PDB file of N, CA and C in Angstrom:
ATOM      1  N   UNK A   1       0.835  -1.170   0.000  1.00  0.00           N
ATOM      2  CA  UNK A   1       0.000   0.000   0.000  1.00  0.00           C
ATOM      3  C   UNK A   1       0.885   1.241   0.000  1.00  0.00           C
ATOM      4  N   UNK A   2       0.571   2.166  -0.877  1.00  0.00           N
ATOM      5  CA  UNK A   2       1.291   3.430  -0.952  1.00  0.00           C
ATOM      6  C   UNK A   2       0.786   4.333   0.170  1.00  0.00           C
ATOM      7  N   UNK A   3       1.722   4.926   0.921  1.00  0.00           N
ATOM      8  CA  UNK A   3       1.341   5.742   2.065  1.00  0.00           C
ATOM      9  C   UNK A   3       1.449   7.239   1.804  1.00  0.00           C
ATOM     10  N   UNK A   4       2.297   7.650   0.873  1.00  0.00           N
ATOM     11  CA  UNK A   4       2.433   9.059   0.489  1.00  0.00           C
ATOM     12  C   UNK A   4       3.207   9.129  -0.827  1.00  0.00           C
ATOM     13  N   UNK A   5       3.235  10.304  -1.437  1.00  0.00           N
ATOM     14  CA  UNK A   5       3.893  10.449  -2.741  1.00  0.00           C
ATOM     15  C   UNK A   5       4.820  11.672  -2.777  1.00  0.00           C
ATOM     16  N   UNK A   6       5.381  12.039  -1.637  1.00  0.00           N
ATOM     17  CA  UNK A   6       6.315  13.161  -1.596  1.00  0.00           C
ATOM     18  C   UNK A   6       7.749  12.646  -1.481  1.00  0.00           C
ATOM     19  N   UNK A   7       8.723  13.581  -1.633  1.00  0.00           N
ATOM     20  CA  UNK A   7      10.128  13.183  -1.707  1.00  0.00           C
ATOM     21  C   UNK A   7      10.998  14.364  -1.305  1.00  0.00           C
ATOM     22  N   UNK A   8      12.224  14.082  -0.901  1.00  0.00           N
ATOM     23  CA  UNK A   8      13.147  15.142  -0.486  1.00  0.00           C
ATOM     24  C   UNK A   8      13.462  16.124  -1.613  1.00  0.00           C
ATOM     25  N   UNK A   9      13.304  15.713  -2.858  1.00  0.00           N
ATOM     26  CA  UNK A   9      13.568  16.605  -4.001  1.00  0.00           C
ATOM     27  C   UNK A   9      12.498  17.683  -4.148  1.00  0.00           C
ATOM     28  N   UNK A  10      11.379  17.516  -3.443  1.00  0.00           N
ATOM     29  CA  UNK A  10      10.273  18.468  -3.560  1.00  0.00           C
ATOM     30  C   UNK A  10       9.249  18.072  -4.604  1.00  0.00           C
ATOM     31  N   UNK A  11       9.537  17.043  -5.392  1.00  0.00           N
ATOM     32  CA  UNK A  11       8.579  16.589  -6.393  1.00  0.00           C
ATOM     33  C   UNK A  11       7.454  15.812  -5.721  1.00  0.00           C
ATOM     34  N   UNK A  12       6.273  15.930  -6.277  1.00  0.00           N
ATOM     35  CA  UNK A  12       5.105  15.215  -5.759  1.00  0.00           C
ATOM     36  C   UNK A  12       4.636  14.255  -6.841  1.00  0.00           C
ATOM     37  N   UNK A  13       4.483  12.991  -6.494  1.00  0.00           N
ATOM     38  CA  UNK A  13       3.931  12.017  -7.417  1.00  0.00           C
ATOM     39  C   UNK A  13       4.926  11.255  -8.270  1.00  0.00           C
ATOM     40  N   UNK A  14       6.200  11.607  -8.232  1.00  0.00           N
ATOM     41  CA  UNK A  14       7.210  10.852  -8.974  1.00  0.00           C
ATOM     42  C   UNK A  14       7.646   9.633  -8.166  1.00  0.00           C
ATOM     43  N   UNK A  15       7.823   9.844  -6.876  1.00  0.00           N
ATOM     44  CA  UNK A  15       8.206   8.776  -5.957  1.00  0.00           C
ATOM     45  C   UNK A  15       7.004   8.389  -5.118  1.00  0.00           C
ATOM     46  N   UNK A  16       7.017   7.177  -4.579  1.00  0.00           N
ATOM     47  CA  UNK A  16       5.957   6.743  -3.684  1.00  0.00           C
ATOM     48  C   UNK A  16       6.599   6.154  -2.430  1.00  0.00           C
ATOM     49  N   UNK A  17       5.865   6.210  -1.346  1.00  0.00           N
ATOM     50  CA  UNK A  17       6.362   5.755  -0.052  1.00  0.00           C
ATOM     51  C   UNK A  17       5.489   4.623   0.466  1.00  0.00           C
ATOM     52  N   UNK A  18       6.064   3.791   1.325  1.00  0.00           N
ATOM     53  CA  UNK A  18       5.394   2.595   1.835  1.00  0.00           C
ATOM     54  C   UNK A  18       6.085   2.180   3.118  1.00  0.00           C
ATOM     55  N   UNK A  19       5.536   1.176   3.787  1.00  0.00           N
ATOM     56  CA  UNK A  19       6.163   0.597   4.974  1.00  0.00           C
ATOM     57  C   UNK A  19       7.021  -0.583   4.551  1.00  0.00           C
ATOM     58  N   UNK A  20       8.289  -0.557   4.947  1.00  0.00           N
ATOM     59  CA  UNK A  20       9.207  -1.653   4.609  1.00  0.00           C
ATOM     60  C   UNK A  20       8.701  -3.002   5.096  1.00  0.00           C
ATOM     61  N   UNK A  21       8.040  -3.031   6.230  1.00  0.00           N
ATOM     62  CA  UNK A  21       7.543  -4.308   6.756  1.00  0.00           C
ATOM     63  C   UNK A  21       6.561  -4.969   5.797  1.00  0.00           C
ATOM     64  N   UNK A  22       5.805  -4.169   5.035  1.00  0.00           N
ATOM     65  CA  UNK A  22       4.871  -4.730   4.053  1.00  0.00           C
ATOM     66  C   UNK A  22       5.635  -5.388   2.903  1.00  0.00           C
ATOM     67  N   UNK A  23       6.695  -4.735   2.432  1.00  0.00           N
ATOM     68  CA  UNK A  23       7.507  -5.315   1.356  1.00  0.00           C
ATOM     69  C   UNK A  23       8.248  -6.549   1.874  1.00  0.00           C
ATOM     70  N   UNK A  24       8.765  -6.476   3.102  1.00  0.00           N
ATOM     71  CA  UNK A  24       9.429  -7.642   3.710  1.00  0.00           C
ATOM     72  C   UNK A  24       8.493  -8.851   3.694  1.00  0.00           C
ATOM     73  N   UNK A  25       7.242  -8.620   4.067  1.00  0.00           N
ATOM     74  CA  UNK A  25       6.262  -9.713   4.126  1.00  0.00           C
ATOM     75  C   UNK A  25       5.955 -10.268   2.739  1.00  0.00           C
ATOM     76  N   UNK A  26       5.826  -9.405   1.755  1.00  0.00           N
ATOM     77  CA  UNK A  26       5.516  -9.835   0.380  1.00  0.00           C
ATOM     78  C   UNK A  26       6.681 -10.646  -0.192  1.00  0.00           C
ATOM     79  N   UNK A  27       7.901 -10.146  -0.012  1.00  0.00           N
ATOM     80  CA  UNK A  27       9.066 -10.818  -0.586  1.00  0.00           C
ATOM     81  C   UNK A  27       9.602 -11.942   0.292  1.00  0.00           C
ATOM     82  N   UNK A  28       9.236 -11.950   1.566  1.00  0.00           N
ATOM     83  CA  UNK A  28       9.722 -12.981   2.480  1.00  0.00           C
ATOM     84  C   UNK A  28      11.180 -12.819   2.862  1.00  0.00           C
ATOM     85  N   UNK A  29      11.679 -11.586   2.775  1.00  0.00           N
ATOM     86  CA  UNK A  29      13.079 -11.311   3.126  1.00  0.00           C
ATOM     87  C   UNK A  29      13.246  -9.805   3.351  1.00  0.00           C
ATOM     88  N   UNK A  30      14.387  -9.414   3.915  1.00  0.00           N
ATOM     89  CA  UNK A  30      14.615  -7.996   4.185  1.00  0.00           C
ATOM     90  C   UNK A  30      15.741  -7.407   3.333  1.00  0.00           C
ATOM     91  N   UNK A  31      16.423  -8.215   2.548  1.00  0.00           N
ATOM     92  CA  UNK A  31      17.583  -7.741   1.776  1.00  0.00           C
ATOM     93  C   UNK A  31      17.199  -7.363   0.339  1.00  0.00           C
ATOM     94  N   UNK A  32      16.242  -6.452   0.197  1.00  0.00           N
ATOM     95  CA  UNK A  32      15.765  -6.060  -1.131  1.00  0.00           C
ATOM     96  C   UNK A  32      16.072  -4.602  -1.477  1.00  0.00           C
ATOM     97  N   UNK A  33      16.837  -3.899  -0.658  1.00  0.00           N
ATOM     98  CA  UNK A  33      17.121  -2.482  -0.910  1.00  0.00           C
ATOM     99  C   UNK A  33      17.748  -2.263  -2.282  1.00  0.00           C
ATOM    100  N   UNK A  34      17.249  -1.271  -3.007  1.00  0.00           N
ATOM    101  CA  UNK A  34      17.752  -0.881  -4.328  1.00  0.00           C
ATOM    102  C   UNK A  34      17.558  -1.972  -5.380  1.00  0.00           C
ATOM    103  N   UNK A  35      16.539  -2.781  -5.237  1.00  0.00           N
ATOM    104  CA  UNK A  35      16.226  -3.823  -6.217  1.00  0.00           C
ATOM    105  C   UNK A  35      15.129  -3.353  -7.166  1.00  0.00           C
ATOM    106  N   UNK A  36      15.122  -3.962  -8.339  1.00  0.00           N
ATOM    107  CA  UNK A  36      14.092  -3.696  -9.336  1.00  0.00           C
ATOM    108  C   UNK A  36      13.078  -4.826  -9.295  1.00  0.00           C
ATOM    109  N   UNK A  37      11.797  -4.446  -9.323  1.00  0.00           N
ATOM    110  CA  UNK A  37      10.695  -5.411  -9.307  1.00  0.00           C
ATOM    111  C   UNK A  37       9.647  -4.967 -10.319  1.00  0.00           C
ATOM    112  N   UNK A  38       8.804  -5.889 -10.730  1.00  0.00           N
ATOM    113  CA  UNK A  38       7.669  -5.559 -11.593  1.00  0.00           C
ATOM    114  C   UNK A  38       6.416  -5.482 -10.738  1.00  0.00           C
ATOM    115  N   UNK A  39       5.693  -4.369 -10.848  1.00  0.00           N
ATOM    116  CA  UNK A  39       4.500  -4.154 -10.037  1.00  0.00           C
ATOM    117  C   UNK A  39       3.332  -3.684 -10.891  1.00  0.00           C
ATOM    118  N   UNK A  40       2.160  -3.828 -10.336  1.00  0.00           N
ATOM    119  CA  UNK A  40       0.929  -3.320 -10.954  1.00  0.00           C
ATOM    120  C   UNK A  40       0.289  -2.350  -9.985  1.00  0.00           C
ATOM    121  N   UNK A  41      -0.037  -1.155 -10.463  1.00  0.00           N
ATOM    122  CA  UNK A  41      -0.782  -0.191  -9.666  1.00  0.00           C
ATOM    123  C   UNK A  41      -2.240  -0.620  -9.709  1.00  0.00           C
ATOM    124  N   UNK A  42      -2.764  -1.130  -8.597  1.00  0.00           N
ATOM    125  CA  UNK A  42      -4.122  -1.666  -8.592  1.00  0.00           C
ATOM    126  C   UNK A  42      -5.181  -0.586  -8.785  1.00  0.00           C
ATOM    127  N   UNK A  43      -4.835   0.668  -8.510  1.00  0.00           N
ATOM    128  CA  UNK A  43      -5.794   1.757  -8.693  1.00  0.00           C
ATOM    129  C   UNK A  43      -5.922   2.140 -10.165  1.00  0.00           C
ATOM    130  N   UNK A  44      -4.771   2.213 -10.885  1.00  0.00           N
ATOM    131  CA  UNK A  44      -4.793   2.674 -12.279  1.00  0.00           C
ATOM    132  C   UNK A  44      -4.638   1.545 -13.291  1.00  0.00           C
ATOM    133  N   UNK A  45      -4.146   0.388 -12.843  1.00  0.00           N
ATOM    134  CA  UNK A  45      -3.873  -0.708 -13.761  1.00  0.00           C
ATOM    135  C   UNK A  45      -2.518  -0.596 -14.438  1.00  0.00           C
ATOM    136  N   UNK A  46      -1.759   0.471 -14.149  1.00  0.00           N
ATOM    137  CA  UNK A  46      -0.443   0.658 -14.753  1.00  0.00           C
ATOM    138  C   UNK A  46       0.495  -0.456 -14.307  1.00  0.00           C
ATOM    139  N   UNK A  47       1.213  -1.044 -15.253  1.00  0.00           N
ATOM    140  CA  UNK A  47       2.154  -2.128 -14.981  1.00  0.00           C
ATOM    141  C   UNK A  47       3.545  -1.659 -15.354  1.00  0.00           C
ATOM    142  N   UNK A  48       4.522  -1.975 -14.547  1.00  0.00           N
ATOM    143  CA  UNK A  48       5.863  -1.581 -14.910  1.00  0.00           C
ATOM    144  C   UNK A  48       6.917  -1.967 -13.910  1.00  0.00           C
ATOM    145  N   UNK A  49       8.104  -1.559 -14.242  1.00  0.00           N
ATOM    146  CA  UNK A  49       9.296  -1.844 -13.462  1.00  0.00           C
ATOM    147  C   UNK A  49       9.474  -0.731 -12.429  1.00  0.00           C
ATOM    148  N   UNK A  50       9.754  -1.120 -11.198  1.00  0.00           N
ATOM    149  CA  UNK A  50       9.996  -0.144 -10.136  1.00  0.00           C
ATOM    150  C   UNK A  50      11.307  -0.475  -9.432  1.00  0.00           C
ATOM    151  N   UNK A  51      11.917   0.548  -8.871  1.00  0.00           N
ATOM    152  CA  UNK A  51      13.048   0.338  -7.969  1.00  0.00           C
ATOM    153  C   UNK A  51      12.551   0.689  -6.570  1.00  0.00           C
ATOM    154  N   UNK A  52      12.931  -0.149  -5.595  1.00  0.00           N
ATOM    155  CA  UNK A  52      12.490   0.028  -4.212  1.00  0.00           C
ATOM    156  C   UNK A  52      13.704   0.238  -3.316  1.00  0.00           C
ATOM    157  N   UNK A  53      13.592   1.223  -2.409  1.00  0.00           N
ATOM    158  CA  UNK A  53      14.638   1.509  -1.435  1.00  0.00           C
ATOM    159  C   UNK A  53      14.069   1.410  -0.030  1.00  0.00           C
ATOM    160  N   UNK A  54      14.886   1.005   0.926  1.00  0.00           N
ATOM    161  CA  UNK A  54      14.468   0.868   2.321  1.00  0.00           C
ATOM    162  C   UNK A  54      14.421   2.197   3.061  1.00  0.00           C
ATOM    163  N   UNK A  55      14.985   3.261   2.537  1.00  0.00           N
ATOM    164  CA  UNK A  55      14.975   4.564   3.211  1.00  0.00           C
ATOM    165  C   UNK A  55      13.838   5.445   2.723  1.00  0.00           C
ATOM    166  N   UNK A  56      13.315   6.358   3.580  1.00  0.00           N
ATOM    167  CA  UNK A  56      12.180   7.190   3.197  1.00  0.00           C
ATOM    168  C   UNK A  56      12.552   8.346   2.268  1.00  0.00           C
ATOM    169  N   UNK A  57      13.771   8.848   2.328  1.00  0.00           N
ATOM    170  CA  UNK A  57      14.258   9.956   1.506  1.00  0.00           C
ATOM    171  C   UNK A  57      13.257  11.106   1.408  1.00  0.00           C
ATOM    172  N   UNK A  58      12.760  11.527   2.538  1.00  0.00           N
ATOM    173  CA  UNK A  58      11.872  12.685   2.586  1.00  0.00           C
ATOM    174  C   UNK A  58      10.404  12.367   2.527  1.00  0.00           C
ATOM    175  N   UNK A  59      10.040  11.125   2.360  1.00  0.00           N
ATOM    176  CA  UNK A  59       8.629  10.761   2.333  1.00  0.00           C
ATOM    177  C   UNK A  59       7.982  11.029   3.682  1.00  0.00           C
ATOM    178  N   UNK A  60       6.799  11.608   3.666  1.00  0.00           N
ATOM    179  CA  UNK A  60       6.159  12.016   4.919  1.00  0.00           C
ATOM    180  C   UNK A  60       5.534  10.850   5.689  1.00  0.00           C
ATOM    181  N   UNK A  61       5.097   9.805   4.984  1.00  0.00           N
ATOM    182  CA  UNK A  61       4.496   8.649   5.650  1.00  0.00           C
ATOM    183  C   UNK A  61       5.100   7.389   5.047  1.00  0.00           C
ATOM    184  N   UNK A  62       5.742   6.579   5.860  1.00  0.00           N
ATOM    185  CA  UNK A  62       6.387   5.361   5.401  1.00  0.00           C
ATOM    186  C   UNK A  62       7.879   5.421   5.656  1.00  0.00           C
ATOM    187  N   UNK A  63       8.517   4.265   5.677  1.00  0.00           N
ATOM    188  CA  UNK A  63       9.960   4.224   5.922  1.00  0.00           C
ATOM    189  C   UNK A  63      10.752   3.704   4.722  1.00  0.00           C
ATOM    190  N   UNK A  64      10.088   3.542   3.585  1.00  0.00           N
ATOM    191  CA  UNK A  64      10.748   3.167   2.342  1.00  0.00           C
ATOM    192  C   UNK A  64      10.174   3.993   1.199  1.00  0.00           C
ATOM    193  N   UNK A  65      10.899   4.053   0.077  1.00  0.00           N
ATOM    194  CA  UNK A  65      10.372   4.773  -1.089  1.00  0.00           C
ATOM    195  C   UNK A  65      10.774   4.057  -2.373  1.00  0.00           C
ATOM    196  N   UNK A  66      10.073   4.376  -3.451  1.00  0.00           N
ATOM    197  CA  UNK A  66      10.347   3.777  -4.749  1.00  0.00           C
ATOM    198  C   UNK A  66       9.861   4.673  -5.858  1.00  0.00           C
ATOM    199  N   UNK A  67      10.127   4.260  -7.086  1.00  0.00           N
ATOM    200  CA  UNK A  67       9.621   4.984  -8.260  1.00  0.00           C
ATOM    201  C   UNK A  67       9.498   4.013  -9.421  1.00  0.00           C
ATOM    202  N   UNK A  68       8.557   4.305 -10.298  1.00  0.00           N
ATOM    203  CA  UNK A  68       8.439   3.542 -11.538  1.00  0.00           C
ATOM    204  C   UNK A  68       9.564   3.959 -12.462  1.00  0.00           C
ATOM    205  N   UNK A  69      10.105   3.015 -13.189  1.00  0.00           N
ATOM    206  CA  UNK A  69      11.156   3.269 -14.158  1.00  0.00           C
ATOM    207  C   UNK A  69      10.582   4.045 -15.328  1.00  0.00           C
ATOM    208  N   UNK A  70      11.407   4.869 -15.957  1.00  0.00           N
ATOM    209  CA  UNK A  70      10.939   5.626 -17.119  1.00  0.00           C
ATOM    210  C   UNK A  70      10.645   4.716 -18.305  1.00  0.00           C
ATOM    211  N   UNK A  71      11.275   3.555 -18.351  1.00  0.00           N
ATOM    212  CA  UNK A  71      10.983   2.542 -19.368  1.00  0.00           C
ATOM    213  C   UNK A  71      10.380   1.352 -18.622  1.00  0.00           C
ATOM    214  N   UNK A  72       9.052   1.296 -18.509  1.00  0.00           N
ATOM    215  CA  UNK A  72       8.430   0.331 -17.614  1.00  0.00           C
ATOM    216  C   UNK A  72       8.611  -1.138 -17.978  1.00  0.00           C
ATOM    217  N   UNK A  73       8.931  -1.450 -19.218  1.00  0.00           N
ATOM    218  CA  UNK A  73       9.043  -2.850 -19.600  1.00  0.00           C
ATOM    219  C   UNK A  73      10.154  -3.037 -20.639  1.00  0.00           C
ATOM    220  N   UNK A  74      11.398  -2.729 -20.273  1.00  0.00           N
ATOM    221  CA  UNK A  74      12.480  -2.771 -21.274  1.00  0.00           C
ATOM    222  C   UNK A  74      12.818  -4.160 -21.771  1.00  0.00           C
ATOM    223  N   UNK A  75      12.432  -5.188 -21.043  1.00  0.00           N
ATOM    224  CA  UNK A  75      12.781  -6.548 -21.442  1.00  0.00           C
ATOM    225  C   UNK A  75      11.620  -7.303 -22.054  1.00  0.00           C
ATOM    226  N   UNK A  76      10.509  -6.625 -22.325  1.00  0.00           N
ATOM    227  CA  UNK A  76       9.369  -7.272 -22.940  1.00  0.00           C
ATOM    228  C   UNK A  76       8.693  -8.273 -22.032  1.00  0.00           C
ATOM    229  N   UNK A  77       8.684  -7.993 -20.730  1.00  0.00           N
ATOM    230  CA  UNK A  77       8.077  -8.892 -19.750  1.00  0.00           C
ATOM    231  C   UNK A  77       6.616  -9.155 -20.097  1.00  0.00           C
ATOM    232  N   UNK A  78       6.204 -10.404 -20.098  1.00  0.00           N
ATOM    233  CA  UNK A  78       4.816 -10.763 -20.390  1.00  0.00           C
ATOM    234  C   UNK A  78       3.991 -10.756 -19.120  1.00  0.00           C
ATOM    235  N   UNK A  79       2.968  -9.937 -19.086  1.00  0.00           N
ATOM    236  CA  UNK A  79       2.112  -9.851 -17.910  1.00  0.00           C
ATOM    237  C   UNK A  79       1.081 -10.898 -18.057  1.00  0.00           C
TER     238      UNK A  79
END
Protein backbone atom coordinates (compact mmCIF):
# COMPACT_ATOMS: atom_id res chain seq x y z
CA UNK A 1 0.00 0.00 0.00
CA UNK A 2 1.29 3.43 -0.95
CA UNK A 3 1.34 5.74 2.06
CA UNK A 4 2.43 9.06 0.49
CA UNK A 5 3.89 10.45 -2.74
CA UNK A 6 6.32 13.16 -1.60
CA UNK A 7 10.13 13.18 -1.71
CA UNK A 8 13.15 15.14 -0.49
CA UNK A 9 13.57 16.61 -4.00
CA UNK A 10 10.27 18.47 -3.56
CA UNK A 11 8.58 16.59 -6.39
CA UNK A 12 5.10 15.22 -5.76
CA UNK A 13 3.93 12.02 -7.42
CA UNK A 14 7.21 10.85 -8.97
CA UNK A 15 8.21 8.78 -5.96
CA UNK A 16 5.96 6.74 -3.68
CA UNK A 17 6.36 5.76 -0.05
CA UNK A 18 5.39 2.59 1.84
CA UNK A 19 6.16 0.60 4.97
CA UNK A 20 9.21 -1.65 4.61
CA UNK A 21 7.54 -4.31 6.76
CA UNK A 22 4.87 -4.73 4.05
CA UNK A 23 7.51 -5.32 1.36
CA UNK A 24 9.43 -7.64 3.71
CA UNK A 25 6.26 -9.71 4.13
CA UNK A 26 5.52 -9.84 0.38
CA UNK A 27 9.07 -10.82 -0.59
CA UNK A 28 9.72 -12.98 2.48
CA UNK A 29 13.08 -11.31 3.13
CA UNK A 30 14.62 -8.00 4.19
CA UNK A 31 17.58 -7.74 1.78
CA UNK A 32 15.76 -6.06 -1.13
CA UNK A 33 17.12 -2.48 -0.91
CA UNK A 34 17.75 -0.88 -4.33
CA UNK A 35 16.23 -3.82 -6.22
CA UNK A 36 14.09 -3.70 -9.34
CA UNK A 37 10.70 -5.41 -9.31
CA UNK A 38 7.67 -5.56 -11.59
CA UNK A 39 4.50 -4.15 -10.04
CA UNK A 40 0.93 -3.32 -10.95
CA UNK A 41 -0.78 -0.19 -9.67
CA UNK A 42 -4.12 -1.67 -8.59
CA UNK A 43 -5.79 1.76 -8.69
CA UNK A 44 -4.79 2.67 -12.28
CA UNK A 45 -3.87 -0.71 -13.76
CA UNK A 46 -0.44 0.66 -14.75
CA UNK A 47 2.15 -2.13 -14.98
CA UNK A 48 5.86 -1.58 -14.91
CA UNK A 49 9.30 -1.84 -13.46
CA UNK A 50 10.00 -0.14 -10.14
CA UNK A 51 13.05 0.34 -7.97
CA UNK A 52 12.49 0.03 -4.21
CA UNK A 53 14.64 1.51 -1.43
CA UNK A 54 14.47 0.87 2.32
CA UNK A 55 14.97 4.56 3.21
CA UNK A 56 12.18 7.19 3.20
CA UNK A 57 14.26 9.96 1.51
CA UNK A 58 11.87 12.69 2.59
CA UNK A 59 8.63 10.76 2.33
CA UNK A 60 6.16 12.02 4.92
CA UNK A 61 4.50 8.65 5.65
CA UNK A 62 6.39 5.36 5.40
CA UNK A 63 9.96 4.22 5.92
CA UNK A 64 10.75 3.17 2.34
CA UNK A 65 10.37 4.77 -1.09
CA UNK A 66 10.35 3.78 -4.75
CA UNK A 67 9.62 4.98 -8.26
CA UNK A 68 8.44 3.54 -11.54
CA UNK A 69 11.16 3.27 -14.16
CA UNK A 70 10.94 5.63 -17.12
CA UNK A 71 10.98 2.54 -19.37
CA UNK A 72 8.43 0.33 -17.61
CA UNK A 73 9.04 -2.85 -19.60
CA UNK A 74 12.48 -2.77 -21.27
CA UNK A 75 12.78 -6.55 -21.44
CA UNK A 76 9.37 -7.27 -22.94
CA UNK A 77 8.08 -8.89 -19.75
CA UNK A 78 4.82 -10.76 -20.39
CA UNK A 79 2.11 -9.85 -17.91
